[in-house]
Amino acid sequence: MPQKHSELWDLFKTVTNKRDAEAYQLLLRDEAVRVLFYDKLAAFAKGLKLALSSIQFYKEVDEKLLRVTKKILQCF
């Protein structure tokens, strides 16, 4: 999971202001970047869904991270 999350966010390392939604949109205008983003996003979401189906995940992850994780999944 951490690897997939890191790979996904690496696509946005050129965005200097992380709160600037328009900067993300401009980056994703490039079709090649957008395709790569969706591939990385799908891989992350798949791993996240698998993790959430595991009792061990709930035992090992703190509550704050669990809330953030579930919020991410709601976006899909």
PDB file of N, CA and C in Angstrom:
ATOM      1  N   MET A   1       0.802  -1.201   0.000  1.00  0.00           N
ATOM      2  CA  MET A   1       0.000   0.000   0.000  1.00  0.00           C
ATOM      3  C   MET A   1       0.850   1.273   0.000  1.00  0.00           C
ATOM      4  N   PRO A   2       1.806   1.404   0.896  1.00  0.00           N
ATOM      5  CA  PRO A   2       2.593   2.644   0.894  1.00  0.00           C
ATOM      6  C   PRO A   2       3.309   2.882  -0.437  1.00  0.00           C
ATOM      7  N   GLN A   3       3.759   1.805  -1.074  1.00  0.00           N
ATOM      8  CA  GLN A   3       4.449   1.937  -2.357  1.00  0.00           C
ATOM      9  C   GLN A   3       3.494   2.465  -3.432  1.00  0.00           C
ATOM     10  N   LYS A   4       2.296   1.909  -3.483  1.00  0.00           N
ATOM     11  CA  LYS A   4       1.301   2.357  -4.475  1.00  0.00           C
ATOM     12  C   LYS A   4       0.904   3.810  -4.222  1.00  0.00           C
ATOM     13  N   HIS A   5       0.759   4.178  -2.972  1.00  0.00           N
ATOM     14  CA  HIS A   5       0.415   5.545  -2.610  1.00  0.00           C
ATOM     15  C   HIS A   5       1.523   6.505  -3.043  1.00  0.00           C
ATOM     16  N   SER A   6       2.750   6.121  -2.782  1.00  0.00           N
ATOM     17  CA  SER A   6       3.899   6.940  -3.154  1.00  0.00           C
ATOM     18  C   SER A   6       4.011   7.097  -4.671  1.00  0.00           C
ATOM     19  N   GLU A   7       3.805   6.012  -5.401  1.00  0.00           N
ATOM     20  CA  GLU A   7       3.867   6.061  -6.866  1.00  0.00           C
ATOM     21  C   GLU A   7       2.796   6.989  -7.426  1.00  0.00           C
ATOM     22  N   LEU A   8       1.637   6.969  -6.822  1.00  0.00           N
ATOM     23  CA  LEU A   8       0.540   7.828  -7.263  1.00  0.00           C
ATOM     24  C   LEU A   8       0.896   9.298  -7.048  1.00  0.00           C
ATOM     25  N   TRP A   9       1.383   9.645  -5.866  1.00  0.00           N
ATOM     26  CA  TRP A   9       1.704  11.040  -5.563  1.00  0.00           C
ATOM     27  C   TRP A   9       2.950  11.527  -6.279  1.00  0.00           C
ATOM     28  N   ASP A  10       3.828  10.620  -6.674  1.00  0.00           N
ATOM     29  CA  ASP A  10       5.020  11.018  -7.424  1.00  0.00           C
ATOM     30  C   ASP A  10       4.663  11.704  -8.741  1.00  0.00           C
ATOM     31  N   LEU A  11       3.505  11.384  -9.272  1.00  0.00           N
ATOM     32  CA  LEU A  11       3.064  12.024 -10.513  1.00  0.00           C
ATOM     33  C   LEU A  11       2.884  13.530 -10.337  1.00  0.00           C
ATOM     34  N   PHE A  12       2.654  13.958  -9.113  1.00  0.00           N
ATOM     35  CA  PHE A  12       2.358  15.357  -8.836  1.00  0.00           C
ATOM     36  C   PHE A  12       3.514  16.089  -8.161  1.00  0.00           C
ATOM     37  N   LYS A  13       4.697  15.533  -8.217  1.00  0.00           N
ATOM     38  CA  LYS A  13       5.832  16.155  -7.523  1.00  0.00           C
ATOM     39  C   LYS A  13       6.200  17.518  -8.111  1.00  0.00           C
ATOM     40  N   THR A  14       5.784  17.806  -9.337  1.00  0.00           N
ATOM     41  CA  THR A  14       6.074  19.107  -9.942  1.00  0.00           C
ATOM     42  C   THR A  14       5.101  20.194  -9.495  1.00  0.00           C
ATOM     43  N   VAL A  15       4.004  19.802  -8.859  1.00  0.00           N
ATOM     44  CA  VAL A  15       3.025  20.776  -8.359  1.00  0.00           C
ATOM     45  C   VAL A  15       3.578  21.363  -7.064  1.00  0.00           C
ATOM     46  N   THR A  16       3.881  22.655  -7.091  1.00  0.00           N
ATOM     47  CA  THR A  16       4.511  23.280  -5.930  1.00  0.00           C
ATOM     48  C   THR A  16       3.507  23.636  -4.834  1.00  0.00           C
ATOM     49  N   ASN A  17       2.335  24.106  -5.219  1.00  0.00           N
ATOM     50  CA  ASN A  17       1.301  24.440  -4.238  1.00  0.00           C
ATOM     51  C   ASN A  17       0.301  23.288  -4.198  1.00  0.00           C
ATOM     52  N   LYS A  18       0.418  22.451  -3.196  1.00  0.00           N
ATOM     53  CA  LYS A  18      -0.402  21.238  -3.098  1.00  0.00           C
ATOM     54  C   LYS A  18      -1.888  21.530  -2.897  1.00  0.00           C
ATOM     55  N   ARG A  19      -2.254  22.781  -2.623  1.00  0.00           N
ATOM     56  CA  ARG A  19      -3.669  23.147  -2.448  1.00  0.00           C
ATOM     57  C   ARG A  19      -4.249  23.803  -3.701  1.00  0.00           C
ATOM     58  N   ASP A  20      -3.476  23.842  -4.761  1.00  0.00           N
ATOM     59  CA  ASP A  20      -3.901  24.491  -6.001  1.00  0.00           C
ATOM     60  C   ASP A  20      -4.517  23.460  -6.949  1.00  0.00           C
ATOM     61  N   ALA A  21      -5.832  23.356  -6.911  1.00  0.00           N
ATOM     62  CA  ALA A  21      -6.542  22.375  -7.733  1.00  0.00           C
ATOM     63  C   ALA A  21      -6.286  22.594  -9.224  1.00  0.00           C
ATOM     64  N   GLU A  22      -6.163  23.837  -9.620  1.00  0.00           N
ATOM     65  CA  GLU A  22      -5.928  24.141 -11.032  1.00  0.00           C
ATOM     66  C   GLU A  22      -4.580  23.594 -11.503  1.00  0.00           C
ATOM     67  N   ALA A  23      -3.582  23.605 -10.647  1.00  0.00           N
ATOM     68  CA  ALA A  23      -2.265  23.072 -11.014  1.00  0.00           C
ATOM     69  C   ALA A  23      -2.358  21.571 -11.302  1.00  0.00           C
ATOM     70  N   TYR A  24      -3.163  20.864 -10.523  1.00  0.00           N
ATOM     71  CA  TYR A  24      -3.366  19.429 -10.770  1.00  0.00           C
ATOM     72  C   TYR A  24      -4.092  19.227 -12.105  1.00  0.00           C
ATOM     73  N   GLN A  25      -5.091  20.047 -12.351  1.00  0.00           N
ATOM     74  CA  GLN A  25      -5.844  19.946 -13.594  1.00  0.00           C
ATOM     75  C   GLN A  25      -4.952  20.206 -14.802  1.00  0.00           C
ATOM     76  N   LEU A  26      -4.105  21.211 -14.692  1.00  0.00           N
ATOM     77  CA  LEU A  26      -3.194  21.519 -15.802  1.00  0.00           C
ATOM     78  C   LEU A  26      -2.244  20.362 -16.078  1.00  0.00           C
ATOM     79  N   LEU A  27      -1.757  19.751 -15.022  1.00  0.00           N
ATOM     80  CA  LEU A  27      -0.860  18.611 -15.193  1.00  0.00           C
ATOM     81  C   LEU A  27      -1.584  17.445 -15.868  1.00  0.00           C
ATOM     82  N   LEU A  28      -2.830  17.234 -15.483  1.00  0.00           N
ATOM     83  CA  LEU A  28      -3.594  16.097 -16.014  1.00  0.00           C
ATOM     84  C   LEU A  28      -4.193  16.361 -17.396  1.00  0.00           C
ATOM     85  N   ARG A  29      -3.988  17.546 -17.937  1.00  0.00           N
ATOM     86  CA  ARG A  29      -4.437  17.807 -19.315  1.00  0.00           C
ATOM     87  C   ARG A  29      -3.680  16.960 -20.315  1.00  0.00           C
ATOM     88  N   ASP A  30      -2.433  16.696 -20.003  1.00  0.00           N
ATOM     89  CA  ASP A  30      -1.611  15.852 -20.869  1.00  0.00           C
ATOM     90  C   ASP A  30      -2.162  14.427 -20.812  1.00  0.00           C
ATOM     91  N   GLU A  31      -2.577  13.912 -21.967  1.00  0.00           N
ATOM     92  CA  GLU A  31      -3.225  12.605 -21.997  1.00  0.00           C
ATOM     93  C   GLU A  31      -2.330  11.491 -21.470  1.00  0.00           C
ATOM     94  N   ALA A  32      -1.046  11.531 -21.773  1.00  0.00           N
ATOM     95  CA  ALA A  32      -0.126  10.492 -21.299  1.00  0.00           C
ATOM     96  C   ALA A  32      -0.036  10.505 -19.777  1.00  0.00           C
ATOM     97  N   VAL A  33       0.020  11.687 -19.187  1.00  0.00           N
ATOM     98  CA  VAL A  33       0.072  11.809 -17.724  1.00  0.00           C
ATOM     99  C   VAL A  33      -1.248  11.337 -17.122  1.00  0.00           C
ATOM    100  N   ARG A  34      -2.349  11.701 -17.764  1.00  0.00           N
ATOM    101  CA  ARG A  34      -3.672  11.307 -17.276  1.00  0.00           C
ATOM    102  C   ARG A  34      -3.856   9.797 -17.306  1.00  0.00           C
ATOM    103  N   VAL A  35      -3.409   9.147 -18.366  1.00  0.00           N
ATOM    104  CA  VAL A  35      -3.507   7.687 -18.459  1.00  0.00           C
ATOM    105  C   VAL A  35      -2.670   7.033 -17.371  1.00  0.00           C
ATOM    106  N   LEU A  36      -1.473   7.534 -17.179  1.00  0.00           N
ATOM    107  CA  LEU A  36      -0.596   7.009 -16.131  1.00  0.00           C
ATOM    108  C   LEU A  36      -1.230   7.226 -14.755  1.00  0.00           C
ATOM    109  N   PHE A  37      -1.829   8.396 -14.555  1.00  0.00           N
ATOM    110  CA  PHE A  37      -2.503   8.687 -13.294  1.00  0.00           C
ATOM    111  C   PHE A  37      -3.617   7.678 -13.029  1.00  0.00           C
ATOM    112  N   TYR A  38      -4.463   7.428 -14.017  1.00  0.00           N
ATOM    113  CA  TYR A  38      -5.566   6.487 -13.820  1.00  0.00           C
ATOM    114  C   TYR A  38      -5.060   5.072 -13.574  1.00  0.00           C
ATOM    115  N   ASP A  39      -3.981   4.691 -14.219  1.00  0.00           N
ATOM    116  CA  ASP A  39      -3.392   3.372 -13.967  1.00  0.00           C
ATOM    117  C   ASP A  39      -2.893   3.263 -12.525  1.00  0.00           C
ATOM    118  N   LYS A  40      -2.172   4.286 -12.077  1.00  0.00           N
ATOM    119  CA  LYS A  40      -1.646   4.292 -10.698  1.00  0.00           C
ATOM    120  C   LYS A  40      -2.786   4.368  -9.685  1.00  0.00           C
ATOM    121  N   LEU A  41      -3.793   5.162  -9.990  1.00  0.00           N
ATOM    122  CA  LEU A  41      -4.943   5.300  -9.103  1.00  0.00           C
ATOM    123  C   LEU A  41      -5.696   3.976  -8.975  1.00  0.00           C
ATOM    124  N   ALA A  42      -5.887   3.293 -10.085  1.00  0.00           N
ATOM    125  CA  ALA A  42      -6.590   2.008 -10.065  1.00  0.00           C
ATOM    126  C   ALA A  42      -5.808   0.982  -9.247  1.00  0.00           C
ATOM    127  N   ALA A  43      -4.489   0.962  -9.397  1.00  0.00           N
ATOM    128  CA  ALA A  43      -3.660   0.024  -8.641  1.00  0.00           C
ATOM    129  C   ALA A  43      -3.733   0.331  -7.145  1.00  0.00           C
ATOM    130  N   PHE A  44      -3.694   1.613  -6.796  1.00  0.00           N
ATOM    131  CA  PHE A  44      -3.794   2.006  -5.394  1.00  0.00           C
ATOM    132  C   PHE A  44      -5.160   1.633  -4.826  1.00  0.00           C
ATOM    133  N   ALA A  45      -6.229   1.943  -5.552  1.00  0.00           N
ATOM    134  CA  ALA A  45      -7.590   1.641  -5.089  1.00  0.00           C
ATOM    135  C   ALA A  45      -7.788   0.140  -4.906  1.00  0.00           C
ATOM    136  N   LYS A  46      -7.245  -0.648  -5.811  1.00  0.00           N
ATOM    137  CA  LYS A  46      -7.364  -2.106  -5.705  1.00  0.00           C
ATOM    138  C   LYS A  46      -6.670  -2.607  -4.437  1.00  0.00           C
ATOM    139  N   GLY A  47      -5.464  -2.125  -4.193  1.00  0.00           N
ATOM    140  CA  GLY A  47      -4.743  -2.511  -2.988  1.00  0.00           C
ATOM    141  C   GLY A  47      -5.433  -2.046  -1.721  1.00  0.00           C
ATOM    142  N   LEU A  48      -6.002  -0.850  -1.779  1.00  0.00           N
ATOM    143  CA  LEU A  48      -6.709  -0.297  -0.637  1.00  0.00           C
ATOM    144  C   LEU A  48      -7.959  -1.112  -0.321  1.00  0.00           C
ATOM    145  N   LYS A  49      -8.697  -1.468  -1.325  1.00  0.00           N
ATOM    146  CA  LYS A  49      -9.892  -2.285  -1.114  1.00  0.00           C
ATOM    147  C   LYS A  49      -9.528  -3.650  -0.539  1.00  0.00           C
ATOM    148  N   LEU A  50      -8.452  -4.222  -1.021  1.00  0.00           N
ATOM    149  CA  LEU A  50      -7.984  -5.500  -0.497  1.00  0.00           C
ATOM    150  C   LEU A  50      -7.576  -5.355   0.971  1.00  0.00           C
ATOM    151  N   ALA A  51      -6.850  -4.301   1.275  1.00  0.00           N
ATOM    152  CA  ALA A  51      -6.422  -4.068   2.659  1.00  0.00           C
ATOM    153  C   ALA A  51      -7.629  -3.897   3.582  1.00  0.00           C
ATOM    154  N   LEU A  52      -8.632  -3.172   3.117  1.00  0.00           N
ATOM    155  CA  LEU A  52      -9.813  -2.936   3.944  1.00  0.00           C
ATOM    156  C   LEU A  52     -10.629  -4.203   4.182  1.00  0.00           C
ATOM    157  N   SER A  53     -10.394  -5.216   3.387  1.00  0.00           N
ATOM    158  CA  SER A  53     -11.102  -6.481   3.585  1.00  0.00           C
ATOM    159  C   SER A  53     -10.371  -7.390   4.576  1.00  0.00           C
ATOM    160  N   SER A  54      -9.219  -6.934   5.064  1.00  0.00           N
ATOM    161  CA  SER A  54      -8.405  -7.728   5.974  1.00  0.00           C
ATOM    162  C   SER A  54      -8.569  -7.265   7.419  1.00  0.00           C
ATOM    163  N   ILE A  55      -8.852  -8.179   8.294  1.00  0.00           N
ATOM    164  CA  ILE A  55      -8.969  -7.861   9.716  1.00  0.00           C
ATOM    165  C   ILE A  55      -7.624  -7.362  10.244  1.00  0.00           C
ATOM    166  N   GLN A  56      -6.543  -7.921   9.754  1.00  0.00           N
ATOM    167  CA  GLN A  56      -5.202  -7.522  10.183  1.00  0.00           C
ATOM    168  C   GLN A  56      -4.950  -6.037   9.910  1.00  0.00           C
ATOM    169  N   PHE A  57      -5.447  -5.543   8.791  1.00  0.00           N
ATOM    170  CA  PHE A  57      -5.299  -4.128   8.448  1.00  0.00           C
ATOM    171  C   PHE A  57      -5.916  -3.250   9.529  1.00  0.00           C
ATOM    172  N   TYR A  58      -7.107  -3.607   9.972  1.00  0.00           N
ATOM    173  CA  TYR A  58      -7.787  -2.832  11.002  1.00  0.00           C
ATOM    174  C   TYR A  58      -7.052  -2.894  12.331  1.00  0.00           C
ATOM    175  N   LYS A  59      -6.403  -4.011  12.600  1.00  0.00           N
ATOM    176  CA  LYS A  59      -5.657  -4.162  13.849  1.00  0.00           C
ATOM    177  C   LYS A  59      -4.368  -3.338  13.844  1.00  0.00           C
ATOM    178  N   GLU A  60      -3.762  -3.173  12.687  1.00  0.00           N
ATOM    179  CA  GLU A  60      -2.456  -2.541  12.600  1.00  0.00           C
ATOM    180  C   GLU A  60      -2.495  -1.047  12.271  1.00  0.00           C
ATOM    181  N   VAL A  61      -3.604  -0.563  11.750  1.00  0.00           N
ATOM    182  CA  VAL A  61      -3.688   0.825  11.300  1.00  0.00           C
ATOM    183  C   VAL A  61      -4.402   1.660  12.357  1.00  0.00           C
ATOM    184  N   ASP A  62      -3.846   2.825  12.638  1.00  0.00           N
ATOM    185  CA  ASP A  62      -4.500   3.689  13.627  1.00  0.00           C
ATOM    186  C   ASP A  62      -5.784   4.293  13.046  1.00  0.00           C
ATOM    187  N   GLU A  63      -6.619   4.776  13.927  1.00  0.00           N
ATOM    188  CA  GLU A  63      -7.953   5.249  13.545  1.00  0.00           C
ATOM    189  C   GLU A  63      -7.914   6.414  12.565  1.00  0.00           C
ATOM    190  N   LYS A  64      -6.976   7.335  12.741  1.00  0.00           N
ATOM    191  CA  LYS A  64      -6.891   8.495  11.852  1.00  0.00           C
ATOM    192  C   LYS A  64      -6.596   8.056  10.417  1.00  0.00           C
ATOM    193  N   LEU A  65      -5.632   7.162  10.254  1.00  0.00           N
ATOM    194  CA  LEU A  65      -5.300   6.675   8.913  1.00  0.00           C
ATOM    195  C   LEU A  65      -6.471   5.908   8.314  1.00  0.00           C
ATOM    196  N   LEU A  66      -7.178   5.177   9.135  1.00  0.00           N
ATOM    197  CA  LEU A  66      -8.344   4.434   8.658  1.00  0.00           C
ATOM    198  C   LEU A  66      -9.421   5.378   8.132  1.00  0.00           C
ATOM    199  N   ARG A  67      -9.657   6.489   8.825  1.00  0.00           N
ATOM    200  CA  ARG A  67     -10.651   7.474   8.362  1.00  0.00           C
ATOM    201  C   ARG A  67     -10.226   8.087   7.034  1.00  0.00           C
ATOM    202  N   VAL A  68      -8.949   8.442   6.921  1.00  0.00           N
ATOM    203  CA  VAL A  68      -8.434   9.026   5.681  1.00  0.00           C
ATOM    204  C   VAL A  68      -8.559   8.024   4.536  1.00  0.00           C
ATOM    205  N   THR A  69      -8.228   6.782   4.812  1.00  0.00           N
ATOM    206  CA  THR A  69      -8.298   5.722   3.807  1.00  0.00           C
ATOM    207  C   THR A  69      -9.719   5.551   3.296  1.00  0.00           C
ATOM    208  N   LYS A  70     -10.671   5.523   4.189  1.00  0.00           N
ATOM    209  CA  LYS A  70     -12.071   5.374   3.777  1.00  0.00           C
ATOM    210  C   LYS A  70     -12.549   6.596   2.994  1.00  0.00           C
ATOM    211  N   LYS A  71     -12.079   7.770   3.373  1.00  0.00           N
ATOM    212  CA  LYS A  71     -12.444   8.988   2.654  1.00  0.00           C
ATOM    213  C   LYS A  71     -11.927   8.947   1.220  1.00  0.00           C
ATOM    214  N   ILE A  72     -10.710   8.434   1.050  1.00  0.00           N
ATOM    215  CA  ILE A  72     -10.135   8.296  -0.292  1.00  0.00           C
ATOM    216  C   ILE A  72     -11.008   7.389  -1.140  1.00  0.00           C
ATOM    217  N   LEU A  73     -11.432   6.275  -0.577  1.00  0.00           N
ATOM    218  CA  LEU A  73     -12.254   5.324  -1.346  1.00  0.00           C
ATOM    219  C   LEU A  73     -13.601   5.919  -1.744  1.00  0.00           C
ATOM    220  N   GLN A  74     -14.137   6.824  -0.953  1.00  0.00           N
ATOM    221  CA  GLN A  74     -15.408   7.438  -1.284  1.00  0.00           C
ATOM    222  C   GLN A  74     -15.336   8.258  -2.560  1.00  0.00           C
ATOM    223  N   CYS A  75     -14.138   8.665  -2.918  1.00  0.00           N
ATOM    224  CA  CYS A  75     -13.955   9.458  -4.135  1.00  0.00           C
ATOM    225  C   CYS A  75     -14.113   8.622  -5.397  1.00  0.00           C
ATOM    226  N   PHE A  76     -14.102   7.322  -5.260  1.00  0.00           N
ATOM    227  CA  PHE A  76     -14.178   6.441  -6.428  1.00  0.00           C
ATOM    228  C   PHE A  76     -15.545   5.869  -6.533  1.00  0.00           C
TER     229      PHE A  76
END
